[in-house]
C-alpha cells in the first residue's frame, strides 16, 4: 500500500521530519543538500523516486530564503527524476503576512511564493495554520490546510483548568480563537489593537469581554517578536485575570521575544514544532513545545491512499 510513498526532508526542520517518519513507519529518503563555497545550493536525490508519491517536509522558517530556495530545488530535482507526484509539506508558510496589497507599491509576497512553488513543479501543498485563509486560493494546485486547534484543545483539557476564557489578541484572530473556545466550552474575549507602519508596533486600545478572575489562554497563529501578545497579557493582568497562558502554532520568536516573555505575566507559552527551537529558546522555562508530527504522518498516509482528512479536524 505504501511501497510508492517516499518521504524527503531538507535542512529546515529535520527533527520534525524524523518524527513524522517514525510515526508513519517510513524512512526518510537519502539526499545530499549543501551549499557550494559561492553560496549556491545543491541537491542530489540518492534514492530512486521514479513513479513515487513523494512528500517533501520543509517549513520555510529562518533562514527563510535559504529554506525556500532549498524547497524549490528539491522539487525541481524530483520532477527531473520522474517522481509521479510531488507533495510539499510546509508546516510553516513564510511571507504569509504579506497576503494583500494594503499599502501603495508593496508586493503580495505570499502569492509570489505560491507561484514559485507551483512553477517549480509541486502537485500539492500541505500546510498548518495559514495566517490568512485566502492564501489557499493563491495556488492553482490542491492545498490541504491543517489546524493545530485539536492538538492544543486536547492538551488544555488535560490540564483541567477552571474558569477559562480564550483571548484573541486582535479581531483578525477571533474566528481562530472562537474555534478553540468552542472545543474547551468556555468564553471568548478579544483584544482591540491598532498596528501602525511596518515595524511590528501596535497600540492596544481595549479588551472586549469578561476576563476578571479567569484563567486566560491567549491564542494566535504566530508569535514573532511577541510585542502584541505581551501587551494584551499586561492588559489582562490589569483587568484582574487570575492566570495567563499563551498558545501560538508557529514560534518564530524573533529578536528579544524570549526576554520579553520572561518578563511578562504569561505563565507558559505553548508552541508547536512547525519551527525548530534553538537552544536558547528551548531552554526557556516558560516555553512548552507540542508536536504535530503524528497529525502530519496521518495526513501524509491518508493523502497517499486518497482518503479523507476529516478525522484530523475532530
Protein backbone atom coordinates (compact mmCIF):
# COMPACT_ATOMS: atom_id res chain seq x y z
CA UNK A 1 0.00 0.00 0.00
CA UNK A 2 2.84 2.38 0.85
CA UNK A 3 5.52 0.94 -1.45
CA UNK A 4 5.50 4.07 -3.64
CA UNK A 5 5.36 6.54 -0.72
CA UNK A 6 8.61 8.44 -0.20
CA UNK A 7 9.49 10.99 2.50
CA UNK A 8 12.18 13.60 1.90
CA UNK A 9 13.33 16.49 4.04
CA UNK A 10 15.56 19.49 3.58
CA UNK A 11 17.53 21.13 6.38
CA UNK A 12 14.78 23.42 7.72
CA UNK A 13 13.40 21.12 10.45
CA UNK A 14 14.98 17.68 10.32
CA UNK A 15 13.86 16.69 13.88
CA UNK A 16 10.20 17.16 12.85
CA UNK A 17 10.73 15.18 9.62
CA UNK A 18 12.39 12.34 11.53
CA UNK A 19 9.49 12.25 13.99
CA UNK A 20 6.96 12.21 11.14
CA UNK A 21 8.88 9.33 9.55
CA UNK A 22 8.77 7.35 12.83
CA UNK A 23 5.00 7.83 13.16
CA UNK A 24 4.47 6.93 9.51
CA UNK A 25 6.79 3.92 9.69
CA UNK A 26 8.54 5.07 6.51
CA UNK A 27 12.25 6.03 6.45
CA UNK A 28 13.43 9.35 5.12
CA UNK A 29 14.94 9.12 1.64
CA UNK A 30 18.65 9.76 1.31
CA UNK A 31 19.57 13.10 -0.24
CA UNK A 32 22.61 15.35 -0.37
CA UNK A 33 21.80 19.01 0.26
CA UNK A 34 24.53 21.57 0.83
CA UNK A 35 25.95 24.91 -0.28
CA UNK A 36 28.95 25.44 -2.51
CA UNK A 37 31.58 27.96 -1.45
CA UNK A 38 29.88 30.53 -3.71
CA UNK A 39 26.70 30.26 -1.55
CA UNK A 40 24.71 28.39 -4.22
CA UNK A 41 22.64 25.43 -3.01
CA UNK A 42 22.93 21.94 -4.46
CA UNK A 43 20.73 18.87 -4.05
CA UNK A 44 21.02 15.28 -5.20
CA UNK A 45 18.36 12.64 -4.54
CA UNK A 46 20.27 9.43 -3.84
CA UNK A 47 17.21 7.14 -3.70
CA UNK A 48 15.18 6.07 -6.73
CA UNK A 49 11.96 8.13 -6.84
CA UNK A 50 10.75 7.23 -10.36
CA UNK A 51 6.97 6.82 -10.22
CA UNK A 52 6.91 7.59 -6.47
CA UNK A 53 4.43 9.65 -4.46
CA UNK A 54 6.92 11.95 -2.72
CA UNK A 55 6.27 14.16 0.32
CA UNK A 56 8.86 16.89 0.90
CA UNK A 57 8.84 18.08 4.54
CA UNK A 58 10.31 21.59 4.53
CA UNK A 59 8.91 24.54 6.51
CA UNK A 60 10.10 27.90 5.23
CA UNK A 61 11.34 29.15 8.60
CA UNK A 62 14.57 31.03 9.36
CA UNK A 63 16.74 31.31 7.28
CA UNK A 64 13.60 31.87 5.23
CA UNK A 65 15.05 32.50 1.79
CA UNK A 66 17.57 29.65 2.04
CA UNK A 67 14.91 27.17 3.12
CA UNK A 68 12.52 28.35 0.43
CA UNK A 69 15.20 28.01 -2.24
CA UNK A 70 16.12 24.54 -0.96
CA UNK A 71 12.47 23.53 -1.25
CA UNK A 72 12.30 24.77 -4.84
CA UNK A 73 15.41 22.93 -5.98
CA UNK A 74 14.30 19.72 -4.24
CA UNK A 75 11.02 19.95 -6.17
CA UNK A 76 12.90 20.50 -9.42
CA UNK A 77 15.22 17.57 -8.73
CA UNK A 78 12.24 15.29 -8.02
CA UNK A 79 10.43 16.42 -11.16
CA UNK A 80 13.51 15.68 -13.29
CA UNK A 81 13.88 12.31 -11.53
CA UNK A 82 10.35 11.36 -12.75
CA UNK A 83 8.55 11.36 -9.41
CA UNK A 84 4.87 10.67 -10.09
CA UNK A 85 3.55 13.24 -7.60
CA UNK A 86 5.36 15.89 -5.55
CA UNK A 87 3.62 16.94 -2.31
CA UNK A 88 5.13 19.82 -0.34
CA UNK A 89 4.59 19.58 3.41
CA UNK A 90 5.18 23.17 4.55
CA UNK A 91 4.13 23.34 8.23
CA UNK A 92 5.17 27.00 8.45
CA UNK A 93 4.48 29.08 5.33
CA UNK A 94 6.75 32.13 5.24
CA UNK A 95 5.63 35.52 3.91
CA UNK A 96 2.04 34.63 4.87
CA UNK A 97 1.50 38.05 6.44
CA UNK A 98 2.19 39.68 3.05
CA UNK A 99 -1.14 38.41 1.76
CA UNK A 100 -2.67 41.64 0.41
CA UNK A 101 -1.75 45.00 -1.08
CA UNK A 102 -2.53 47.17 1.93
CA UNK A 103 -0.08 49.98 1.14
CA UNK A 104 0.95 51.72 -2.08
CA UNK A 105 3.67 49.99 -4.12
CA UNK A 106 4.05 46.84 -2.00
CA UNK A 107 4.12 43.22 -3.21
CA UNK A 108 1.80 40.35 -2.35
CA UNK A 109 4.69 38.07 -1.45
CA UNK A 110 2.54 35.19 -0.24
CA UNK A 111 1.14 34.92 -3.77
CA UNK A 112 4.63 35.12 -5.29
CA UNK A 113 5.82 32.24 -3.08
CA UNK A 114 2.77 30.19 -4.14
CA UNK A 115 3.65 30.83 -7.79
CA UNK A 116 7.29 29.81 -7.24
CA UNK A 117 6.29 26.53 -5.60
CA UNK A 118 3.78 25.75 -8.33
CA UNK A 119 6.09 26.62 -11.23
CA UNK A 120 8.87 24.56 -9.66
CA UNK A 121 6.63 21.51 -10.12
CA UNK A 122 4.71 20.86 -6.90
CA UNK A 123 1.43 18.94 -7.28
CA UNK A 124 0.03 19.55 -3.79
CA UNK A 125 0.75 21.58 -0.66
CA UNK A 126 0.05 20.52 2.93
CA UNK A 127 0.38 23.30 5.49
CA UNK A 128 -0.63 24.17 9.06
CA UNK A 129 -2.48 27.24 10.33
CA UNK A 130 -2.01 29.70 7.49
CA UNK A 131 -2.02 33.29 8.69
CA UNK A 132 -4.74 34.07 6.14
CA UNK A 133 -7.14 31.51 4.70
CA UNK A 134 -7.17 33.19 1.30
CA UNK A 135 -3.60 32.01 0.69
CA UNK A 136 -5.12 28.66 -0.29
CA UNK A 137 -6.59 30.47 -3.28
CA UNK A 138 -3.16 31.73 -4.33
CA UNK A 139 -2.39 28.20 -5.52
CA UNK A 140 -3.78 26.50 -8.63
CA UNK A 141 -2.96 23.11 -7.11
CA UNK A 142 -4.68 21.36 -4.15
CA UNK A 143 -3.87 22.76 -0.71
CA UNK A 144 -4.62 20.75 2.44
CA UNK A 145 -4.88 23.25 5.29
CA UNK A 146 -4.45 21.53 8.66
CA UNK A 147 -5.05 23.09 12.08
CA UNK A 148 -3.33 22.89 15.46
CA UNK A 149 -6.54 23.62 17.38
CA UNK A 150 -7.40 19.94 18.10
CA UNK A 151 -3.89 19.37 19.49
CA UNK A 152 -4.00 22.47 21.70
CA UNK A 153 -7.54 21.66 22.86
CA UNK A 154 -6.59 18.14 23.94
CA UNK A 155 -3.59 19.48 25.85
CA UNK A 156 -5.55 22.19 27.65
CA UNK A 157 -8.33 19.74 28.51
CA UNK A 158 -5.70 17.51 30.13
CA UNK A 159 -4.62 20.47 32.33
CA UNK A 160 -8.13 20.55 33.84
CA UNK A 161 -8.21 24.33 34.26
CA UNK A 162 -11.27 26.09 35.71
CA UNK A 163 -13.00 29.32 34.71
CA UNK A 164 -11.23 29.56 31.34
CA UNK A 165 -11.55 32.26 28.70
CA UNK A 166 -9.83 32.14 25.30
CA UNK A 167 -8.49 35.54 24.23
CA UNK A 168 -7.72 36.59 20.67
CA UNK A 169 -5.03 39.34 20.59
CA UNK A 170 -6.98 41.10 17.84
CA UNK A 171 -10.21 40.93 15.87
CA UNK A 172 -8.46 39.23 12.93
CA UNK A 173 -7.84 36.11 15.00
CA UNK A 174 -11.32 35.97 16.55
CA UNK A 175 -12.53 33.09 14.36
CA UNK A 176 -9.47 31.03 15.28
CA UNK A 177 -9.88 31.79 19.00
CA UNK A 178 -13.61 31.07 18.88
CA UNK A 179 -12.91 27.61 17.45
CA UNK A 180 -10.65 26.81 20.42
CA UNK A 181 -13.15 28.29 22.88
CA UNK A 182 -15.87 26.08 21.41
CA UNK A 183 -13.76 22.95 21.94
CA UNK A 184 -12.97 24.00 25.50
CA UNK A 185 -16.60 25.03 26.11
CA UNK A 186 -15.58 28.40 27.50
CA UNK A 187 -15.94 32.13 26.86
CA UNK A 188 -14.17 34.37 24.36
CA UNK A 189 -12.53 37.79 24.69
CA UNK A 190 -10.84 39.93 22.03
CA UNK A 191 -8.06 42.50 22.19
CA UNK A 192 -8.75 45.67 20.24
CA UNK A 193 -5.43 46.87 18.81
CA UNK A 194 -4.18 49.15 16.08
CA UNK A 195 -1.00 48.48 14.07
CA UNK A 196 0.96 51.34 12.51
CA UNK A 197 3.70 51.10 9.90
CA UNK A 198 5.87 48.05 9.21
CA UNK A 199 7.86 47.86 12.45
CA UNK A 200 5.64 45.44 14.43
CA UNK A 201 4.49 48.26 16.73
CA UNK A 202 0.89 48.07 17.92
CA UNK A 203 -1.32 50.08 20.23
CA UNK A 204 -3.73 48.14 22.45
CA UNK A 205 -6.99 50.03 22.88
CA UNK A 206 -9.19 47.71 24.94
CA UNK A 207 -10.07 44.15 25.98
CA UNK A 208 -13.57 43.20 24.85
CA UNK A 209 -15.08 40.51 27.08
CA UNK A 210 -15.23 39.32 30.68
CA UNK A 211 -11.74 38.33 31.89
CA UNK A 212 -11.69 39.32 35.58
CA UNK A 213 -10.85 36.40 37.87
CA UNK A 214 -10.49 33.99 34.95
CA UNK A 215 -7.73 31.81 33.51
CA UNK A 216 -6.93 33.32 30.11
CA UNK A 217 -5.49 31.46 27.14
CA UNK A 218 -4.12 33.94 24.60
CA UNK A 219 -4.40 32.18 21.25
CA UNK A 220 -2.79 33.21 17.96
CA UNK A 221 -1.23 31.58 14.90
CA UNK A 222 2.22 33.23 15.10
CA UNK A 223 4.36 34.72 17.84
CA UNK A 224 7.15 36.74 16.24
CA UNK A 225 8.62 39.47 18.44
CA UNK A 226 5.83 38.83 20.94
CA UNK A 227 5.09 42.54 21.34
CA UNK A 228 1.37 42.39 20.63
CA UNK A 229 0.77 39.24 22.66
CA UNK A 230 2.63 40.57 25.69
CA UNK A 231 0.78 43.91 25.56
CA UNK A 232 -2.51 42.01 25.68
CA UNK A 233 -1.17 39.89 28.57
CA UNK A 234 -0.34 43.06 30.56
CA UNK A 235 -3.82 44.44 29.83
CA UNK A 236 -5.40 41.19 31.02
CA UNK A 237 -3.32 41.34 34.21
CA UNK A 238 -4.51 44.90 34.87
CA UNK A 239 -8.13 43.81 34.38
CA UNK A 240 -7.83 41.16 37.08
CA UNK A 241 -7.19 37.98 35.08
CA UNK A 242 -6.06 35.33 37.57
CA UNK A 243 -3.73 33.28 35.33
CA UNK A 244 -2.45 33.91 31.81
CA UNK A 245 -1.25 31.31 29.31
CA UNK A 246 -0.47 31.75 25.62
CA UNK A 247 -0.63 29.33 22.70
CA UNK A 248 0.71 30.01 19.22
CA UNK A 249 1.15 27.49 16.43
CA UNK A 250 4.32 28.97 14.96
CA UNK A 251 7.03 30.03 17.42
CA UNK A 252 9.07 32.42 15.28
CA UNK A 253 10.31 34.23 18.42
CA UNK A 254 12.39 36.92 16.76
CA UNK A 255 14.64 39.49 18.41
CA UNK A 256 14.12 39.88 22.15
CA UNK A 257 10.94 37.79 22.21
CA UNK A 258 12.27 35.32 24.79
CA UNK A 259 13.48 38.07 27.15
CA UNK A 260 10.16 39.89 26.82
CA UNK A 261 8.27 36.66 27.51
CA UNK A 262 10.34 36.01 30.64
CA UNK A 263 9.43 39.46 31.99
CA UNK A 264 5.73 39.17 31.12
CA UNK A 265 2.78 37.92 33.22
CA UNK A 266 2.41 34.92 30.85
CA UNK A 267 2.97 31.71 32.87
CA UNK A 268 3.60 29.42 29.89
CA UNK A 269 3.78 29.82 26.13
CA UNK A 270 2.75 26.73 24.18
CA UNK A 271 4.02 26.43 20.60
CA UNK A 272 4.17 23.56 18.12
CA UNK A 273 7.25 22.18 16.38
CA UNK A 274 6.41 23.61 12.95
CA UNK A 275 9.55 25.68 13.59
CA UNK A 276 12.56 24.21 15.43
CA UNK A 277 13.59 25.96 18.65
CA UNK A 278 17.23 26.94 19.00
CA UNK A 279 18.87 26.10 22.33
CA UNK A 280 18.21 29.48 23.96
CA UNK A 281 14.50 29.23 23.23
CA UNK A 282 14.24 25.53 24.06
CA UNK A 283 15.80 26.20 27.47
CA UNK A 284 13.30 28.93 28.35
CA UNK A 285 11.26 27.58 31.26
CA UNK A 286 8.15 29.39 30.02
CA UNK A 287 8.12 27.75 26.58
CA UNK A 288 6.48 24.35 26.05
CA UNK A 289 6.65 22.76 22.59
CA UNK A 290 3.89 20.40 21.42
CA UNK A 291 4.41 18.06 18.47
CA UNK A 292 2.28 17.96 15.33
CA UNK A 293 4.31 15.06 13.86
CA UNK A 294 1.59 12.46 14.34
CA UNK A 295 -1.00 14.70 12.65
CA UNK A 296 1.31 15.21 9.66
CA UNK A 297 2.08 11.48 9.44
CA UNK A 298 -1.63 10.63 9.41
CA UNK A 299 -2.29 13.31 6.78
CA UNK A 300 0.54 12.05 4.55
CA UNK A 301 -0.65 8.44 4.65
CA UNK A 302 -4.28 9.38 4.04
CA UNK A 303 -3.40 11.63 1.10
CA UNK A 304 -1.27 8.85 -0.36
CA UNK A 305 -4.16 6.35 -0.30
CA UNK A 306 -6.70 9.02 -1.34
CA UNK A 307 -8.70 9.01 1.92
CA UNK A 308 -10.49 11.94 3.59
CA UNK A 309 -8.62 14.07 6.13
CA UNK A 310 -11.75 14.89 8.11
CA UNK A 311 -10.59 12.74 11.05
CA UNK A 312 -7.87 15.34 11.71
CA UNK A 313 -10.41 18.11 12.33
CA UNK A 314 -12.29 16.34 15.12
